[in-house]
Amino acid sequence: MSSSKAGLLPVLCFLIILTTFINSTESASCCMRYSKRPLRCRQLLGYTIQNITGSCDINAVIFHLPGRYVCADPLEDWTKRGMKCLE
C-alpha cells in the first residue's frame, strides 16, 4: 500500500508542474492591449480572433505579420478593413 502512495507522489508533482506551465503559456499568448497604429493590407499574412476567456481579458483580432503579431480592437474601422482585405 505504501509503494502505491509513493508512486502517486511523482505523478501528482508532474501534473501540478504541467498545469502551471499550461496556464502561464496561455496567458502569455493573450492580447492585453490594442495597437493604436493601423496596418497596411500588404503587410498582413492572416489573423485570428481572441475572445474573452479565463486568461484573456479583452476581445481582439490578432493580425499575423512577418515575424510578429499585432493585437487590434475588433470595433475599429481599420481592423475591419484589415480582416476584409484578407478574405
PDB file of N, CA and C in Angstrom:
ATOM      1  N   MET A   1       0.814  -1.191   0.000  1.00  0.00           N
ATOM      2  CA  MET A   1       0.000   0.000   0.000  1.00  0.00           C
ATOM      3  C   MET A   1       0.858   1.255   0.000  1.00  0.00           C
ATOM      4  N   SER A   2       1.936   1.269   0.784  1.00  0.00           N
ATOM      5  CA  SER A   2       2.787   2.456   0.823  1.00  0.00           C
ATOM      6  C   SER A   2       3.539   2.642  -0.491  1.00  0.00           C
ATOM      7  N   SER A   3       3.820   1.556  -1.220  1.00  0.00           N
ATOM      8  CA  SER A   3       4.501   1.693  -2.506  1.00  0.00           C
ATOM      9  C   SER A   3       3.592   2.345  -3.548  1.00  0.00           C
ATOM     10  N   SER A   4       2.281   2.103  -3.488  1.00  0.00           N
ATOM     11  CA  SER A   4       1.369   2.748  -4.431  1.00  0.00           C
ATOM     12  C   SER A   4       1.234   4.238  -4.121  1.00  0.00           C
ATOM     13  N   LYS A   5       1.292   4.600  -2.837  1.00  0.00           N
ATOM     14  CA  LYS A   5       1.264   6.011  -2.459  1.00  0.00           C
ATOM     15  C   LYS A   5       2.543   6.708  -2.895  1.00  0.00           C
ATOM     16  N   ALA A   6       3.658   6.023  -2.780  1.00  0.00           N
ATOM     17  CA  ALA A   6       4.939   6.601  -3.187  1.00  0.00           C
ATOM     18  C   ALA A   6       4.970   6.804  -4.703  1.00  0.00           C
ATOM     19  N   GLY A   7       4.301   5.966  -5.442  1.00  0.00           N
ATOM     20  CA  GLY A   7       4.237   6.116  -6.896  1.00  0.00           C
ATOM     21  C   GLY A   7       3.326   7.254  -7.327  1.00  0.00           C
ATOM     22  N   LEU A   8       2.366   7.585  -6.493  1.00  0.00           N
ATOM     23  CA  LEU A   8       1.443   8.676  -6.813  1.00  0.00           C
ATOM     24  C   LEU A   8       2.079  10.054  -6.645  1.00  0.00           C
ATOM     25  N   LEU A   9       3.007  10.180  -5.736  1.00  0.00           N
ATOM     26  CA  LEU A   9       3.625  11.475  -5.470  1.00  0.00           C
ATOM     27  C   LEU A   9       4.303  12.068  -6.711  1.00  0.00           C
ATOM     28  N   PRO A  10       5.143  11.327  -7.430  1.00  0.00           N
ATOM     29  CA  PRO A  10       5.744  11.907  -8.646  1.00  0.00           C
ATOM     30  C   PRO A  10       4.697  12.273  -9.705  1.00  0.00           C
ATOM     31  N   VAL A  11       3.655  11.481  -9.824  1.00  0.00           N
ATOM     32  CA  VAL A  11       2.606  11.762 -10.797  1.00  0.00           C
ATOM     33  C   VAL A  11       1.885  13.063 -10.430  1.00  0.00           C
ATOM     34  N   LEU A  12       1.562  13.234  -9.161  1.00  0.00           N
ATOM     35  CA  LEU A  12       0.906  14.463  -8.720  1.00  0.00           C
ATOM     36  C   LEU A  12       1.807  15.677  -8.934  1.00  0.00           C
ATOM     37  N   CYS A  13       3.086  15.543  -8.623  1.00  0.00           N
ATOM     38  CA  CYS A  13       4.028  16.650  -8.847  1.00  0.00           C
ATOM     39  C   CYS A  13       4.092  17.008 -10.332  1.00  0.00           C
ATOM     40  N   PHE A  14       4.140  16.015 -11.189  1.00  0.00           N
ATOM     41  CA  PHE A  14       4.182  16.254 -12.631  1.00  0.00           C
ATOM     42  C   PHE A  14       2.928  16.988 -13.091  1.00  0.00           C
ATOM     43  N   LEU A  15       1.755  16.581 -12.621  1.00  0.00           N
ATOM     44  CA  LEU A  15       0.509  17.229 -13.014  1.00  0.00           C
ATOM     45  C   LEU A  15       0.454  18.678 -12.546  1.00  0.00           C
ATOM     46  N   ILE A  16       0.944  18.957 -11.367  1.00  0.00           N
ATOM     47  CA  ILE A  16       0.972  20.332 -10.854  1.00  0.00           C
ATOM     48  C   ILE A  16       1.885  21.197 -11.710  1.00  0.00           C
ATOM     49  N   ILE A  17       3.058  20.693 -12.038  1.00  0.00           N
ATOM     50  CA  ILE A  17       4.005  21.442 -12.872  1.00  0.00           C
ATOM     51  C   ILE A  17       3.425  21.658 -14.263  1.00  0.00           C
ATOM     52  N   LEU A  18       2.814  20.639 -14.841  1.00  0.00           N
ATOM     53  CA  LEU A  18       2.219  20.743 -16.166  1.00  0.00           C
ATOM     54  C   LEU A  18       1.094  21.771 -16.184  1.00  0.00           C
ATOM     55  N   THR A  19       0.241  21.755 -15.185  1.00  0.00           N
ATOM     56  CA  THR A  19      -0.865  22.717 -15.098  1.00  0.00           C
ATOM     57  C   THR A  19      -0.337  24.137 -14.981  1.00  0.00           C
ATOM     58  N   THR A  20       0.679  24.346 -14.195  1.00  0.00           N
ATOM     59  CA  THR A  20       1.278  25.671 -14.040  1.00  0.00           C
ATOM     60  C   THR A  20       1.861  26.151 -15.361  1.00  0.00           C
ATOM     61  N   PHE A  21       2.560  25.279 -16.070  1.00  0.00           N
ATOM     62  CA  PHE A  21       3.161  25.639 -17.348  1.00  0.00           C
ATOM     63  C   PHE A  21       2.093  25.992 -18.379  1.00  0.00           C
ATOM     64  N   ILE A  22       1.036  25.215 -18.463  1.00  0.00           N
ATOM     65  CA  ILE A  22      -0.031  25.474 -19.430  1.00  0.00           C
ATOM     66  C   ILE A  22      -0.698  26.810 -19.140  1.00  0.00           C
ATOM     67  N   ASN A  23      -0.989  27.096 -17.888  1.00  0.00           N
ATOM     68  CA  ASN A  23      -1.626  28.366 -17.539  1.00  0.00           C
ATOM     69  C   ASN A  23      -0.725  29.551 -17.844  1.00  0.00           C
ATOM     70  N   SER A  24       0.579  29.424 -17.611  1.00  0.00           N
ATOM     71  CA  SER A  24       1.475  30.547 -17.860  1.00  0.00           C
ATOM     72  C   SER A  24       1.659  30.795 -19.351  1.00  0.00           C
ATOM     73  N   THR A  25       1.700  29.752 -20.169  1.00  0.00           N
ATOM     74  CA  THR A  25       1.853  29.957 -21.607  1.00  0.00           C
ATOM     75  C   THR A  25       0.562  30.462 -22.226  1.00  0.00           C
ATOM     76  N   GLU A  26      -0.564  30.059 -21.662  1.00  0.00           N
ATOM     77  CA  GLU A  26      -1.837  30.529 -22.193  1.00  0.00           C
ATOM     78  C   GLU A  26      -1.980  32.028 -21.984  1.00  0.00           C
ATOM     79  N   SER A  27      -1.626  32.522 -20.810  1.00  0.00           N
ATOM     80  CA  SER A  27      -1.750  33.955 -20.554  1.00  0.00           C
ATOM     81  C   SER A  27      -0.729  34.752 -21.363  1.00  0.00           C
ATOM     82  N   ALA A  28       0.415  34.152 -21.676  1.00  0.00           N
ATOM     83  CA  ALA A  28       1.423  34.857 -22.464  1.00  0.00           C
ATOM     84  C   ALA A  28       0.981  35.033 -23.907  1.00  0.00           C
ATOM     85  N   SER A  29       0.055  34.209 -24.371  1.00  0.00           N
ATOM     86  CA  SER A  29      -0.373  34.307 -25.758  1.00  0.00           C
ATOM     87  C   SER A  29      -1.597  35.199 -25.925  1.00  0.00           C
ATOM     88  N   CYS A  30      -2.039  35.847 -24.878  1.00  0.00           N
ATOM     89  CA  CYS A  30      -3.207  36.724 -24.938  1.00  0.00           C
ATOM     90  C   CYS A  30      -2.806  38.166 -25.231  1.00  0.00           C
ATOM     91  N   CYS A  31      -3.665  38.833 -25.972  1.00  0.00           N
ATOM     92  CA  CYS A  31      -3.511  40.278 -26.146  1.00  0.00           C
ATOM     93  C   CYS A  31      -3.964  40.957 -24.862  1.00  0.00           C
ATOM     94  N   MET A  32      -3.169  41.871 -24.384  1.00  0.00           N
ATOM     95  CA  MET A  32      -3.521  42.610 -23.173  1.00  0.00           C
ATOM     96  C   MET A  32      -3.885  44.060 -23.491  1.00  0.00           C
ATOM     97  N   ARG A  33      -3.492  44.516 -24.681  1.00  0.00           N
ATOM     98  CA  ARG A  33      -3.828  45.874 -25.114  1.00  0.00           C
ATOM     99  C   ARG A  33      -3.813  45.906 -26.634  1.00  0.00           C
ATOM    100  N   TYR A  34      -4.399  46.960 -27.176  1.00  0.00           N
ATOM    101  CA  TYR A  34      -4.514  47.095 -28.626  1.00  0.00           C
ATOM    102  C   TYR A  34      -3.425  47.994 -29.194  1.00  0.00           C
ATOM    103  N   SER A  35      -3.042  47.709 -30.417  1.00  0.00           N
ATOM    104  CA  SER A  35      -2.165  48.606 -31.154  1.00  0.00           C
ATOM    105  C   SER A  35      -2.982  49.818 -31.593  1.00  0.00           C
ATOM    106  N   LYS A  36      -2.368  50.965 -31.573  1.00  0.00           N
ATOM    107  CA  LYS A  36      -3.066  52.182 -31.988  1.00  0.00           C
ATOM    108  C   LYS A  36      -2.779  52.524 -33.443  1.00  0.00           C
ATOM    109  N   ARG A  37      -1.792  51.854 -34.019  1.00  0.00           N
ATOM    110  CA  ARG A  37      -1.348  52.169 -35.375  1.00  0.00           C
ATOM    111  C   ARG A  37      -1.996  51.243 -36.402  1.00  0.00           C
ATOM    112  N   PRO A  38      -2.724  51.794 -37.365  1.00  0.00           N
ATOM    113  CA  PRO A  38      -3.310  50.953 -38.418  1.00  0.00           C
ATOM    114  C   PRO A  38      -2.231  50.245 -39.236  1.00  0.00           C
ATOM    115  N   LEU A  39      -2.587  49.087 -39.761  1.00  0.00           N
ATOM    116  CA  LEU A  39      -1.657  48.283 -40.555  1.00  0.00           C
ATOM    117  C   LEU A  39      -2.035  48.344 -42.029  1.00  0.00           C
ATOM    118  N   ARG A  40      -1.036  48.200 -42.880  1.00  0.00           N
ATOM    119  CA  ARG A  40      -1.287  48.148 -44.323  1.00  0.00           C
ATOM    120  C   ARG A  40      -1.696  46.731 -44.716  1.00  0.00           C
ATOM    121  N   CYS A  41      -2.564  46.651 -45.662  1.00  0.00           N
ATOM    122  CA  CYS A  41      -3.082  45.362 -46.125  1.00  0.00           C
ATOM    123  C   CYS A  41      -1.957  44.455 -46.625  1.00  0.00           C
ATOM    124  N   ARG A  42      -1.003  45.014 -47.317  1.00  0.00           N
ATOM    125  CA  ARG A  42       0.061  44.181 -47.904  1.00  0.00           C
ATOM    126  C   ARG A  42       0.991  43.570 -46.852  1.00  0.00           C
ATOM    127  N   GLN A  43       0.960  44.082 -45.626  1.00  0.00           N
ATOM    128  CA  GLN A  43       1.775  43.528 -44.538  1.00  0.00           C
ATOM    129  C   GLN A  43       1.156  42.268 -43.950  1.00  0.00           C
ATOM    130  N   LEU A  44      -0.150  42.114 -44.063  1.00  0.00           N
ATOM    131  CA  LEU A  44      -0.893  41.090 -43.339  1.00  0.00           C
ATOM    132  C   LEU A  44      -0.779  39.710 -43.978  1.00  0.00           C
ATOM    133  N   LEU A  45      -0.509  38.715 -43.138  1.00  0.00           N
ATOM    134  CA  LEU A  45      -0.447  37.329 -43.596  1.00  0.00           C
ATOM    135  C   LEU A  45      -1.693  36.551 -43.212  1.00  0.00           C
ATOM    136  N   GLY A  46      -2.366  36.994 -42.161  1.00  0.00           N
ATOM    137  CA  GLY A  46      -3.564  36.315 -41.668  1.00  0.00           C
ATOM    138  C   GLY A  46      -3.989  36.938 -40.355  1.00  0.00           C
ATOM    139  N   TYR A  47      -5.006  36.343 -39.744  1.00  0.00           N
ATOM    140  CA  TYR A  47      -5.437  36.828 -38.437  1.00  0.00           C
ATOM    141  C   TYR A  47      -6.144  35.717 -37.680  1.00  0.00           C
ATOM    142  N   THR A  48      -6.222  35.873 -36.375  1.00  0.00           N
ATOM    143  CA  THR A  48      -7.017  35.004 -35.517  1.00  0.00           C
ATOM    144  C   THR A  48      -7.850  35.889 -34.607  1.00  0.00           C
ATOM    145  N   ILE A  49      -8.932  35.328 -34.107  1.00  0.00           N
ATOM    146  CA  ILE A  49      -9.831  36.046 -33.218  1.00  0.00           C
ATOM    147  C   ILE A  49      -9.563  35.581 -31.786  1.00  0.00           C
ATOM    148  N   GLN A  50      -9.413  36.528 -30.890  1.00  0.00           N
ATOM    149  CA  GLN A  50      -9.281  36.226 -29.460  1.00  0.00           C
ATOM    150  C   GLN A  50     -10.561  36.663 -28.772  1.00  0.00           C
ATOM    151  N   ASN A  51     -11.191  35.740 -28.074  1.00  0.00           N
ATOM    152  CA  ASN A  51     -12.379  36.055 -27.287  1.00  0.00           C
ATOM    153  C   ASN A  51     -12.006  36.112 -25.812  1.00  0.00           C
ATOM    154  N   ILE A  52     -12.822  36.778 -25.046  1.00  0.00           N
ATOM    155  CA  ILE A  52     -12.583  36.841 -23.602  1.00  0.00           C
ATOM    156  C   ILE A  52     -12.743  35.437 -23.039  1.00  0.00           C
ATOM    157  N   THR A  53     -11.696  34.956 -22.385  1.00  0.00           N
ATOM    158  CA  THR A  53     -11.727  33.651 -21.712  1.00  0.00           C
ATOM    159  C   THR A  53     -11.167  33.842 -20.311  1.00  0.00           C
ATOM    160  N   GLY A  54     -10.888  32.753 -19.640  1.00  0.00           N
ATOM    161  CA  GLY A  54     -10.370  32.836 -18.279  1.00  0.00           C
ATOM    162  C   GLY A  54      -9.089  33.629 -18.150  1.00  0.00           C
ATOM    163  N   SER A  55      -8.206  33.526 -19.131  1.00  0.00           N
ATOM    164  CA  SER A  55      -6.922  34.218 -19.007  1.00  0.00           C
ATOM    165  C   SER A  55      -6.761  35.382 -19.985  1.00  0.00           C
ATOM    166  N   CYS A  56      -7.676  35.528 -20.922  1.00  0.00           N
ATOM    167  CA  CYS A  56      -7.624  36.641 -21.878  1.00  0.00           C
ATOM    168  C   CYS A  56      -8.720  37.638 -21.520  1.00  0.00           C
ATOM    169  N   ASP A  57      -8.326  38.857 -21.197  1.00  0.00           N
ATOM    170  CA  ASP A  57      -9.266  39.837 -20.656  1.00  0.00           C
ATOM    171  C   ASP A  57      -9.974  40.690 -21.702  1.00  0.00           C
ATOM    172  N   ILE A  58      -9.529  40.658 -22.945  1.00  0.00           N
ATOM    173  CA  ILE A  58     -10.145  41.511 -23.969  1.00  0.00           C
ATOM    174  C   ILE A  58     -10.428  40.714 -25.233  1.00  0.00           C
ATOM    175  N   ASN A  59     -11.436  41.143 -25.974  1.00  0.00           N
ATOM    176  CA  ASN A  59     -11.667  40.624 -27.320  1.00  0.00           C
ATOM    177  C   ASN A  59     -10.667  41.318 -28.231  1.00  0.00           C
ATOM    178  N   ALA A  60     -10.096  40.583 -29.164  1.00  0.00           N
ATOM    179  CA  ALA A  60      -9.100  41.182 -30.054  1.00  0.00           C
ATOM    180  C   ALA A  60      -9.025  40.408 -31.360  1.00  0.00           C
ATOM    181  N   VAL A  61      -8.529  41.099 -32.370  1.00  0.00           N
ATOM    182  CA  VAL A  61      -8.137  40.467 -33.621  1.00  0.00           C
ATOM    183  C   VAL A  61      -6.621  40.478 -33.617  1.00  0.00           C
ATOM    184  N   ILE A  62      -6.023  39.313 -33.767  1.00  0.00           N
ATOM    185  CA  ILE A  62      -4.566  39.199 -33.755  1.00  0.00           C
ATOM    186  C   ILE A  62      -4.106  39.057 -35.198  1.00  0.00           C
ATOM    187  N   PHE A  63      -3.525  40.122 -35.727  1.00  0.00           N
ATOM    188  CA  PHE A  63      -3.025  40.093 -37.097  1.00  0.00           C
ATOM    189  C   PHE A  63      -1.648  39.435 -37.129  1.00  0.00           C
ATOM    190  N   HIS A  64      -1.446  38.573 -38.110  1.00  0.00           N
ATOM    191  CA  HIS A  64      -0.177  37.885 -38.299  1.00  0.00           C
ATOM    192  C   HIS A  64       0.619  38.660 -39.339  1.00  0.00           C
ATOM    193  N   LEU A  65       1.806  39.088 -38.952  1.00  0.00           N
ATOM    194  CA  LEU A  65       2.719  39.789 -39.843  1.00  0.00           C
ATOM    195  C   LEU A  65       4.020  38.995 -39.887  1.00  0.00           C
ATOM    196  N   PRO A  66       4.878  39.243 -40.848  1.00  0.00           N
ATOM    197  CA  PRO A  66       6.155  38.515 -40.875  1.00  0.00           C
ATOM    198  C   PRO A  66       6.944  38.747 -39.576  1.00  0.00           C
ATOM    199  N   GLY A  67       7.124  37.694 -38.811  1.00  0.00           N
ATOM    200  CA  GLY A  67       7.937  37.747 -37.598  1.00  0.00           C
ATOM    201  C   GLY A  67       7.280  38.324 -36.363  1.00  0.00           C
ATOM    202  N   ARG A  68       5.999  38.686 -36.424  1.00  0.00           N
ATOM    203  CA  ARG A  68       5.362  39.242 -35.231  1.00  0.00           C
ATOM    204  C   ARG A  68       3.840  39.182 -35.344  1.00  0.00           C
ATOM    205  N   TYR A  69       3.197  39.518 -34.237  1.00  0.00           N
ATOM    206  CA  TYR A  69       1.749  39.576 -34.155  1.00  0.00           C
ATOM    207  C   TYR A  69       1.353  40.947 -33.620  1.00  0.00           C
ATOM    208  N   VAL A  70       0.206  41.450 -34.079  1.00  0.00           N
ATOM    209  CA  VAL A  70      -0.286  42.748 -33.631  1.00  0.00           C
ATOM    210  C   VAL A  70      -1.736  42.575 -33.183  1.00  0.00           C
ATOM    211  N   CYS A  71      -2.025  43.076 -31.990  1.00  0.00           N
ATOM    212  CA  CYS A  71      -3.367  42.994 -31.429  1.00  0.00           C
ATOM    213  C   CYS A  71      -4.161  44.233 -31.817  1.00  0.00           C
ATOM    214  N   ALA A  72      -5.390  44.031 -32.296  1.00  0.00           N
ATOM    215  CA  ALA A  72      -6.215  45.143 -32.749  1.00  0.00           C
ATOM    216  C   ALA A  72      -7.603  45.060 -32.128  1.00  0.00           C
ATOM    217  N   ASP A  73      -8.191  46.223 -31.922  1.00  0.00           N
ATOM    218  CA  ASP A  73      -9.549  46.324 -31.397  1.00  0.00           C
ATOM    219  C   ASP A  73     -10.524  45.909 -32.492  1.00  0.00           C
ATOM    220  N   PRO A  74     -11.346  44.895 -32.259  1.00  0.00           N
ATOM    221  CA  PRO A  74     -12.265  44.434 -33.305  1.00  0.00           C
ATOM    222  C   PRO A  74     -13.326  45.463 -33.690  1.00  0.00           C
ATOM    223  N   LEU A  75     -13.514  46.499 -32.891  1.00  0.00           N
ATOM    224  CA  LEU A  75     -14.516  47.521 -33.195  1.00  0.00           C
ATOM    225  C   LEU A  75     -13.976  48.663 -34.051  1.00  0.00           C
ATOM    226  N   GLU A  76     -12.658  48.737 -34.210  1.00  0.00           N
ATOM    227  CA  GLU A  76     -12.042  49.807 -35.002  1.00  0.00           C
ATOM    228  C   GLU A  76     -12.247  49.563 -36.504  1.00  0.00           C
ATOM    229  N   ASP A  77     -12.454  50.650 -37.244  1.00  0.00           N
ATOM    230  CA  ASP A  77     -12.642  50.537 -38.692  1.00  0.00           C
ATOM    231  C   ASP A  77     -11.423  49.951 -39.393  1.00  0.00           C
ATOM    232  N   TRP A  78     -10.208  50.347 -38.968  1.00  0.00           N
ATOM    233  CA  TRP A  78      -9.014  49.839 -39.641  1.00  0.00           C
ATOM    234  C   TRP A  78      -8.844  48.341 -39.414  1.00  0.00           C
ATOM    235  N   THR A  79      -9.326  47.841 -38.261  1.00  0.00           N
ATOM    236  CA  THR A  79      -9.273  46.398 -38.000  1.00  0.00           C
ATOM    237  C   THR A  79     -10.213  45.666 -38.960  1.00  0.00           C
ATOM    238  N   LYS A  80     -11.409  46.194 -39.113  1.00  0.00           N
ATOM    239  CA  LYS A  80     -12.387  45.573 -40.015  1.00  0.00           C
ATOM    240  C   LYS A  80     -11.886  45.582 -41.455  1.00  0.00           C
ATOM    241  N   ARG A  81     -11.232  46.679 -41.851  1.00  0.00           N
ATOM    242  CA  ARG A  81     -10.669  46.743 -43.213  1.00  0.00           C
ATOM    243  C   ARG A  81      -9.575  45.693 -43.393  1.00  0.00           C
ATOM    244  N   GLY A  82      -8.729  45.520 -42.381  1.00  0.00           N
ATOM    245  CA  GLY A  82      -7.665  44.525 -42.464  1.00  0.00           C
ATOM    246  C   GLY A  82      -8.211  43.112 -42.591  1.00  0.00           C
ATOM    247  N   MET A  83      -9.244  42.807 -41.829  1.00  0.00           N
ATOM    248  CA  MET A  83      -9.874  41.485 -41.910  1.00  0.00           C
ATOM    249  C   MET A  83     -10.498  41.269 -43.291  1.00  0.00           C
ATOM    250  N   LYS A  84     -11.159  42.299 -43.791  1.00  0.00           N
ATOM    251  CA  LYS A  84     -11.795  42.182 -45.116  1.00  0.00           C
ATOM    252  C   LYS A  84     -10.748  42.010 -46.205  1.00  0.00           C
ATOM    253  N   CYS A  85      -9.628  42.672 -46.050  1.00  0.00           N
ATOM    254  CA  CYS A  85      -8.529  42.576 -47.019  1.00  0.00           C
ATOM    255  C   CYS A  85      -8.034  41.129 -47.144  1.00  0.00           C
ATOM    256  N   LEU A  86      -8.043  40.402 -46.037  1.00  0.00           N
ATOM    257  CA  LEU A  86      -7.533  39.039 -46.026  1.00  0.00           C
ATOM    258  C   LEU A  86      -8.560  37.998 -46.495  1.00  0.00           C
ATOM    259  N   GLU A  87      -9.798  38.404 -46.602  1.00  0.00           N
ATOM    260  CA  GLU A  87     -10.845  37.433 -47.016  1.00  0.00           C
ATOM    261  C   GLU A  87     -10.928  37.297 -48.511  1.00  0.00           C
TER     262      GLU A  87
END
